[in-house]
Amino acid sequence: MSKKAINRLKVVLAEEGRTNKWLAEKLKKNTATVSRWCTNEMQPSLDTLVEIANALNVDVRELLISTKQ
């Protein structure tokens, strides 16, 4: 089963000059979990997505790939 890219977390972290480890520490999450979010292997909950946006000081919409073409 191929995984579909849903979030842009890896890109936004790079744009903000932050690492997976930094985000994991900030959110008190396991680094492996954050890594799986970054590779779109699994997705954070909506509540967690809002926490991520707040930590990175970005709009939550910047963390998602648009479904419109």
PDB file of N, CA and C in Angstrom:
ATOM      1  N   MET A   1       0.851  -1.175   0.000  1.00  0.00           N
ATOM      2  CA  MET A   1       0.000   0.000   0.000  1.00  0.00           C
ATOM      3  C   MET A   1       0.895   1.236   0.000  1.00  0.00           C
ATOM      4  N   SER A   2       0.712   2.118  -0.952  1.00  0.00           N
ATOM      5  CA  SER A   2       1.542   3.322  -1.017  1.00  0.00           C
ATOM      6  C   SER A   2       0.981   4.386  -0.082  1.00  0.00           C
ATOM      7  N   LYS A   3       1.906   5.117   0.500  1.00  0.00           N
ATOM      8  CA  LYS A   3       1.466   6.172   1.412  1.00  0.00           C
ATOM      9  C   LYS A   3       1.294   7.475   0.635  1.00  0.00           C
ATOM     10  N   LYS A   4       0.211   8.149   0.901  1.00  0.00           N
ATOM     11  CA  LYS A   4      -0.086   9.410   0.232  1.00  0.00           C
ATOM     12  C   LYS A   4       0.392  10.554   1.116  1.00  0.00           C
ATOM     13  N   ALA A   5       1.104  11.484   0.507  1.00  0.00           N
ATOM     14  CA  ALA A   5       1.585  12.644   1.256  1.00  0.00           C
ATOM     15  C   ALA A   5       0.395  13.525   1.628  1.00  0.00           C
ATOM     16  N   ILE A   6       0.215  13.731   2.908  1.00  0.00           N
ATOM     17  CA  ILE A   6      -0.899  14.534   3.406  1.00  0.00           C
ATOM     18  C   ILE A   6      -0.390  15.803   4.072  1.00  0.00           C
ATOM     19  N   ASN A   7       0.754  15.670   4.780  1.00  0.00           N
ATOM     20  CA  ASN A   7       1.268  16.851   5.471  1.00  0.00           C
ATOM     21  C   ASN A   7       2.594  17.325   4.873  1.00  0.00           C
ATOM     22  N   ARG A   8       2.933  18.563   5.178  1.00  0.00           N
ATOM     23  CA  ARG A   8       4.166  19.199   4.717  1.00  0.00           C
ATOM     24  C   ARG A   8       5.110  19.447   5.894  1.00  0.00           C
ATOM     25  N   LEU A   9       4.991  18.648   6.912  1.00  0.00           N
ATOM     26  CA  LEU A   9       5.737  18.895   8.141  1.00  0.00           C
ATOM     27  C   LEU A   9       7.247  18.937   7.905  1.00  0.00           C
ATOM     28  N   LYS A  10       7.765  18.005   7.142  1.00  0.00           N
ATOM     29  CA  LYS A  10       9.207  17.968   6.870  1.00  0.00           C
ATOM     30  C   LYS A  10       9.668  19.256   6.188  1.00  0.00           C
ATOM     31  N   VAL A  11       8.883  19.727   5.231  1.00  0.00           N
ATOM     32  CA  VAL A  11       9.212  20.948   4.491  1.00  0.00           C
ATOM     33  C   VAL A  11       9.165  22.170   5.409  1.00  0.00           C
ATOM     34  N   VAL A  12       8.116  22.264   6.208  1.00  0.00           N
ATOM     35  CA  VAL A  12       7.956  23.422   7.095  1.00  0.00           C
ATOM     36  C   VAL A  12       9.055  23.437   8.156  1.00  0.00           C
ATOM     37  N   LEU A  13       9.401  22.283   8.690  1.00  0.00           N
ATOM     38  CA  LEU A  13      10.506  22.226   9.652  1.00  0.00           C
ATOM     39  C   LEU A  13      11.789  22.762   9.015  1.00  0.00           C
ATOM     40  N   ALA A  14      12.068  22.354   7.790  1.00  0.00           N
ATOM     41  CA  ALA A  14      13.272  22.823   7.083  1.00  0.00           C
ATOM     42  C   ALA A  14      13.201  24.329   6.847  1.00  0.00           C
ATOM     43  N   GLU A  15      12.035  24.815   6.422  1.00  0.00           N
ATOM     44  CA  GLU A  15      11.871  26.255   6.182  1.00  0.00           C
ATOM     45  C   GLU A  15      12.093  27.071   7.454  1.00  0.00           C
ATOM     46  N   GLU A  16      11.699  26.512   8.589  1.00  0.00           N
ATOM     47  CA  GLU A  16      11.827  27.211   9.866  1.00  0.00           C
ATOM     48  C   GLU A  16      13.170  26.936  10.551  1.00  0.00           C
ATOM     49  N   GLY A  17      14.003  26.114   9.911  1.00  0.00           N
ATOM     50  CA  GLY A  17      15.312  25.802  10.482  1.00  0.00           C
ATOM     51  C   GLY A  17      15.239  24.961  11.737  1.00  0.00           C
ATOM     52  N   ARG A  18      14.246  24.111  11.825  1.00  0.00           N
ATOM     53  CA  ARG A  18      14.033  23.258  13.000  1.00  0.00           C
ATOM     54  C   ARG A  18      14.212  21.795  12.618  1.00  0.00           C
ATOM     55  N   THR A  19      14.428  20.962  13.621  1.00  0.00           N
ATOM     56  CA  THR A  19      14.640  19.528  13.398  1.00  0.00           C
ATOM     57  C   THR A  19      13.497  18.713  13.998  1.00  0.00           C
ATOM     58  N   ASN A  20      13.447  17.454  13.595  1.00  0.00           N
ATOM     59  CA  ASN A  20      12.472  16.517  14.171  1.00  0.00           C
ATOM     60  C   ASN A  20      12.682  16.430  15.680  1.00  0.00           C
ATOM     61  N   LYS A  21      13.949  16.361  16.086  1.00  0.00           N
ATOM     62  CA  LYS A  21      14.274  16.236  17.512  1.00  0.00           C
ATOM     63  C   LYS A  21      13.761  17.452  18.290  1.00  0.00           C
ATOM     64  N   TRP A  22      13.935  18.648  17.741  1.00  0.00           N
ATOM     65  CA  TRP A  22      13.454  19.865  18.397  1.00  0.00           C
ATOM     66  C   TRP A  22      11.941  19.789  18.596  1.00  0.00           C
ATOM     67  N   LEU A  23      11.226  19.392  17.531  1.00  0.00           N
ATOM     68  CA  LEU A  23       9.768  19.313  17.606  1.00  0.00           C
ATOM     69  C   LEU A  23       9.333  18.253  18.612  1.00  0.00           C
ATOM     70  N   ALA A  24       9.994  17.112  18.606  1.00  0.00           N
ATOM     71  CA  ALA A  24       9.658  16.045  19.546  1.00  0.00           C
ATOM     72  C   ALA A  24       9.820  16.531  20.991  1.00  0.00           C
ATOM     73  N   GLU A  25      10.896  17.244  21.265  1.00  0.00           N
ATOM     74  CA  GLU A  25      11.121  17.772  22.615  1.00  0.00           C
ATOM     75  C   GLU A  25      10.072  18.817  22.973  1.00  0.00           C
ATOM     76  N   LYS A  26       9.760  19.685  22.017  1.00  0.00           N
ATOM     77  CA  LYS A  26       8.785  20.757  22.237  1.00  0.00           C
ATOM     78  C   LYS A  26       7.397  20.185  22.566  1.00  0.00           C
ATOM     79  N   LEU A  27       7.014  19.119  21.859  1.00  0.00           N
ATOM     80  CA  LEU A  27       5.684  18.522  22.036  1.00  0.00           C
ATOM     81  C   LEU A  27       5.670  17.375  23.044  1.00  0.00           C
ATOM     82  N   LYS A  28       6.851  17.036  23.567  1.00  0.00           N
ATOM     83  CA  LYS A  28       6.985  15.899  24.481  1.00  0.00           C
ATOM     84  C   LYS A  28       6.489  14.601  23.824  1.00  0.00           C
ATOM     85  N   LYS A  29       6.951  14.406  22.588  1.00  0.00           N
ATOM     86  CA  LYS A  29       6.612  13.202  21.823  1.00  0.00           C
ATOM     87  C   LYS A  29       7.890  12.427  21.531  1.00  0.00           C
ATOM     88  N   ASN A  30       7.745  11.173  21.180  1.00  0.00           N
ATOM     89  CA  ASN A  30       8.866  10.338  20.798  1.00  0.00           C
ATOM     90  C   ASN A  30       9.416  10.812  19.448  1.00  0.00           C
ATOM     91  N   THR A  31      10.735  10.819  19.294  1.00  0.00           N
ATOM     92  CA  THR A  31      11.331  11.260  18.020  1.00  0.00           C
ATOM     93  C   THR A  31      10.918  10.351  16.863  1.00  0.00           C
ATOM     94  N   ALA A  32      10.710   9.074  17.143  1.00  0.00           N
ATOM     95  CA  ALA A  32      10.275   8.150  16.091  1.00  0.00           C
ATOM     96  C   ALA A  32       8.880   8.524  15.588  1.00  0.00           C
ATOM     97  N   THR A  33       8.021   8.962  16.482  1.00  0.00           N
ATOM     98  CA  THR A  33       6.669   9.391  16.098  1.00  0.00           C
ATOM     99  C   THR A  33       6.741  10.601  15.173  1.00  0.00           C
ATOM    100  N   VAL A  34       7.541  11.588  15.549  1.00  0.00           N
ATOM    101  CA  VAL A  34       7.684  12.792  14.722  1.00  0.00           C
ATOM    102  C   VAL A  34       8.278  12.418  13.363  1.00  0.00           C
ATOM    103  N   SER A  35       9.233  11.525  13.358  1.00  0.00           N
ATOM    104  CA  SER A  35       9.832  11.073  12.101  1.00  0.00           C
ATOM    105  C   SER A  35       8.779  10.427  11.195  1.00  0.00           C
ATOM    106  N   ARG A  36       7.893   9.643  11.763  1.00  0.00           N
ATOM    107  CA  ARG A  36       6.832   8.989  10.980  1.00  0.00           C
ATOM    108  C   ARG A  36       5.843  10.011  10.425  1.00  0.00           C
ATOM    109  N   TRP A  37       5.611  11.104  11.183  1.00  0.00           N
ATOM    110  CA  TRP A  37       4.767  12.191  10.662  1.00  0.00           C
ATOM    111  C   TRP A  37       5.462  12.849   9.477  1.00  0.00           C
ATOM    112  N   CYS A  38       6.758  13.087   9.602  1.00  0.00           N
ATOM    113  CA  CYS A  38       7.518  13.784   8.563  1.00  0.00           C
ATOM    114  C   CYS A  38       7.597  12.992   7.260  1.00  0.00           C
ATOM    115  N   THR A  39       7.559  11.677   7.369  1.00  0.00           N
ATOM    116  CA  THR A  39       7.603  10.839   6.172  1.00  0.00           C
ATOM    117  C   THR A  39       6.206  10.451   5.684  1.00  0.00           C
ATOM    118  N   ASN A  40       5.185  10.999   6.353  1.00  0.00           N
ATOM    119  CA  ASN A  40       3.787  10.705   6.034  1.00  0.00           C
ATOM    120  C   ASN A  40       3.445   9.230   6.201  1.00  0.00           C
ATOM    121  N   GLU A  41       4.224   8.530   7.012  1.00  0.00           N
ATOM    122  CA  GLU A  41       3.927   7.144   7.330  1.00  0.00           C
ATOM    123  C   GLU A  41       2.702   7.062   8.223  1.00  0.00           C
ATOM    124  N   MET A  42       2.543   8.076   9.071  1.00  0.00           N
ATOM    125  CA  MET A  42       1.336   8.239   9.878  1.00  0.00           C
ATOM    126  C   MET A  42       1.089   9.733  10.043  1.00  0.00           C
ATOM    127  N   GLN A  43      -0.098  10.089  10.514  1.00  0.00           N
ATOM    128  CA  GLN A  43      -0.468  11.491  10.611  1.00  0.00           C
ATOM    129  C   GLN A  43      -0.764  11.893  12.054  1.00  0.00           C
ATOM    130  N   PRO A  44      -0.382  13.118  12.411  1.00  0.00           N
ATOM    131  CA  PRO A  44      -0.744  13.600  13.747  1.00  0.00           C
ATOM    132  C   PRO A  44      -2.245  13.881  13.812  1.00  0.00           C
ATOM    133  N   SER A  45      -2.798  13.847  15.012  1.00  0.00           N
ATOM    134  CA  SER A  45      -4.208  14.198  15.186  1.00  0.00           C
ATOM    135  C   SER A  45      -4.383  15.682  14.871  1.00  0.00           C
ATOM    136  N   LEU A  46      -5.616  16.110  14.703  1.00  0.00           N
ATOM    137  CA  LEU A  46      -5.874  17.532  14.448  1.00  0.00           C
ATOM    138  C   LEU A  46      -5.415  18.398  15.614  1.00  0.00           C
ATOM    139  N   ASP A  47      -5.653  17.933  16.828  1.00  0.00           N
ATOM    140  CA  ASP A  47      -5.194  18.683  18.003  1.00  0.00           C
ATOM    141  C   ASP A  47      -3.675  18.827  17.995  1.00  0.00           C
ATOM    142  N   THR A  48      -2.984  17.746  17.668  1.00  0.00           N
ATOM    143  CA  THR A  48      -1.523  17.789  17.622  1.00  0.00           C
ATOM    144  C   THR A  48      -1.043  18.675  16.484  1.00  0.00           C
ATOM    145  N   LEU A  49      -1.751  18.653  15.372  1.00  0.00           N
ATOM    146  CA  LEU A  49      -1.392  19.510  14.243  1.00  0.00           C
ATOM    147  C   LEU A  49      -1.451  20.988  14.649  1.00  0.00           C
ATOM    148  N   VAL A  50      -2.441  21.345  15.441  1.00  0.00           N
ATOM    149  CA  VAL A  50      -2.555  22.719  15.945  1.00  0.00           C
ATOM    150  C   VAL A  50      -1.380  23.019  16.881  1.00  0.00           C
ATOM    151  N   GLU A  51      -1.013  22.063  17.722  1.00  0.00           N
ATOM    152  CA  GLU A  51       0.144  22.248  18.608  1.00  0.00           C
ATOM    153  C   GLU A  51       1.423  22.457  17.795  1.00  0.00           C
ATOM    154  N   ILE A  52       1.576  21.683  16.729  1.00  0.00           N
ATOM    155  CA  ILE A  52       2.749  21.807  15.859  1.00  0.00           C
ATOM    156  C   ILE A  52       2.788  23.190  15.225  1.00  0.00           C
ATOM    157  N   ALA A  53       1.648  23.637  14.709  1.00  0.00           N
ATOM    158  CA  ALA A  53       1.567  24.961  14.089  1.00  0.00           C
ATOM    159  C   ALA A  53       1.951  26.043  15.090  1.00  0.00           C
ATOM    160  N   ASN A  54       1.459  25.928  16.315  1.00  0.00           N
ATOM    161  CA  ASN A  54       1.790  26.906  17.350  1.00  0.00           C
ATOM    162  C   ASN A  54       3.280  26.883  17.679  1.00  0.00           C
ATOM    163  N   ALA A  55       3.855  25.688  17.785  1.00  0.00           N
ATOM    164  CA  ALA A  55       5.282  25.558  18.098  1.00  0.00           C
ATOM    165  C   ALA A  55       6.142  26.181  17.005  1.00  0.00           C
ATOM    166  N   LEU A  56       5.710  26.012  15.750  1.00  0.00           N
ATOM    167  CA  LEU A  56       6.471  26.538  14.610  1.00  0.00           C
ATOM    168  C   LEU A  56       6.061  27.967  14.241  1.00  0.00           C
ATOM    169  N   ASN A  57       5.029  28.469  14.931  1.00  0.00           N
ATOM    170  CA  ASN A  57       4.523  29.812  14.661  1.00  0.00           C
ATOM    171  C   ASN A  57       4.098  29.985  13.194  1.00  0.00           C
ATOM    172  N   VAL A  58       3.332  29.002  12.705  1.00  0.00           N
ATOM    173  CA  VAL A  58       2.802  29.046  11.341  1.00  0.00           C
ATOM    174  C   VAL A  58       1.301  28.757  11.393  1.00  0.00           C
ATOM    175  N   ASP A  59       0.608  29.104  10.319  1.00  0.00           N
ATOM    176  CA  ASP A  59      -0.807  28.769  10.189  1.00  0.00           C
ATOM    177  C   ASP A  59      -0.916  27.259   9.978  1.00  0.00           C
ATOM    178  N   VAL A  60      -1.862  26.625  10.620  1.00  0.00           N
ATOM    179  CA  VAL A  60      -2.017  25.179  10.519  1.00  0.00           C
ATOM    180  C   VAL A  60      -2.187  24.740   9.059  1.00  0.00           C
ATOM    181  N   ARG A  61      -2.754  25.602   8.227  1.00  0.00           N
ATOM    182  CA  ARG A  61      -2.949  25.256   6.809  1.00  0.00           C
ATOM    183  C   ARG A  61      -1.633  25.065   6.072  1.00  0.00           C
ATOM    184  N   GLU A  62      -0.566  25.688   6.568  1.00  0.00           N
ATOM    185  CA  GLU A  62       0.746  25.529   5.933  1.00  0.00           C
ATOM    186  C   GLU A  62       1.318  24.137   6.133  1.00  0.00           C
ATOM    187  N   LEU A  63       0.762  23.415   7.087  1.00  0.00           N
ATOM    188  CA  LEU A  63       1.251  22.065   7.381  1.00  0.00           C
ATOM    189  C   LEU A  63       0.586  20.981   6.538  1.00  0.00           C
ATOM    190  N   LEU A  64      -0.420  21.358   5.771  1.00  0.00           N
ATOM    191  CA  LEU A  64      -1.190  20.395   4.987  1.00  0.00           C
ATOM    192  C   LEU A  64      -1.002  20.600   3.488  1.00  0.00           C
ATOM    193  N   ILE A  65      -1.066  19.525   2.752  1.00  0.00           N
ATOM    194  CA  ILE A  65      -1.036  19.588   1.286  1.00  0.00           C
ATOM    195  C   ILE A  65      -2.481  19.758   0.825  1.00  0.00           C
ATOM    196  N   SER A  66      -2.704  20.745  -0.011  1.00  0.00           N
ATOM    197  CA  SER A  66      -4.042  21.044  -0.501  1.00  0.00           C
ATOM    198  C   SER A  66      -4.614  19.880  -1.297  1.00  0.00           C
ATOM    199  N   THR A  67      -5.904  19.673  -1.164  1.00  0.00           N
ATOM    200  CA  THR A  67      -6.576  18.629  -1.935  1.00  0.00           C
ATOM    201  C   THR A  67      -7.115  19.172  -3.255  1.00  0.00           C
ATOM    202  N   LYS A  68      -7.050  20.484  -3.415  1.00  0.00           N
ATOM    203  CA  LYS A  68      -7.507  21.126  -4.657  1.00  0.00           C
ATOM    204  C   LYS A  68      -6.329  21.254  -5.617  1.00  0.00           C
ATOM    205  N   GLN A  69      -6.605  21.062  -6.890  1.00  0.00           N
ATOM    206  CA  GLN A  69      -5.543  21.185  -7.892  1.00  0.00           C
ATOM    207  C   GLN A  69      -5.483  22.529  -8.484  1.00  0.00           C
TER     208      GLN A  69
END
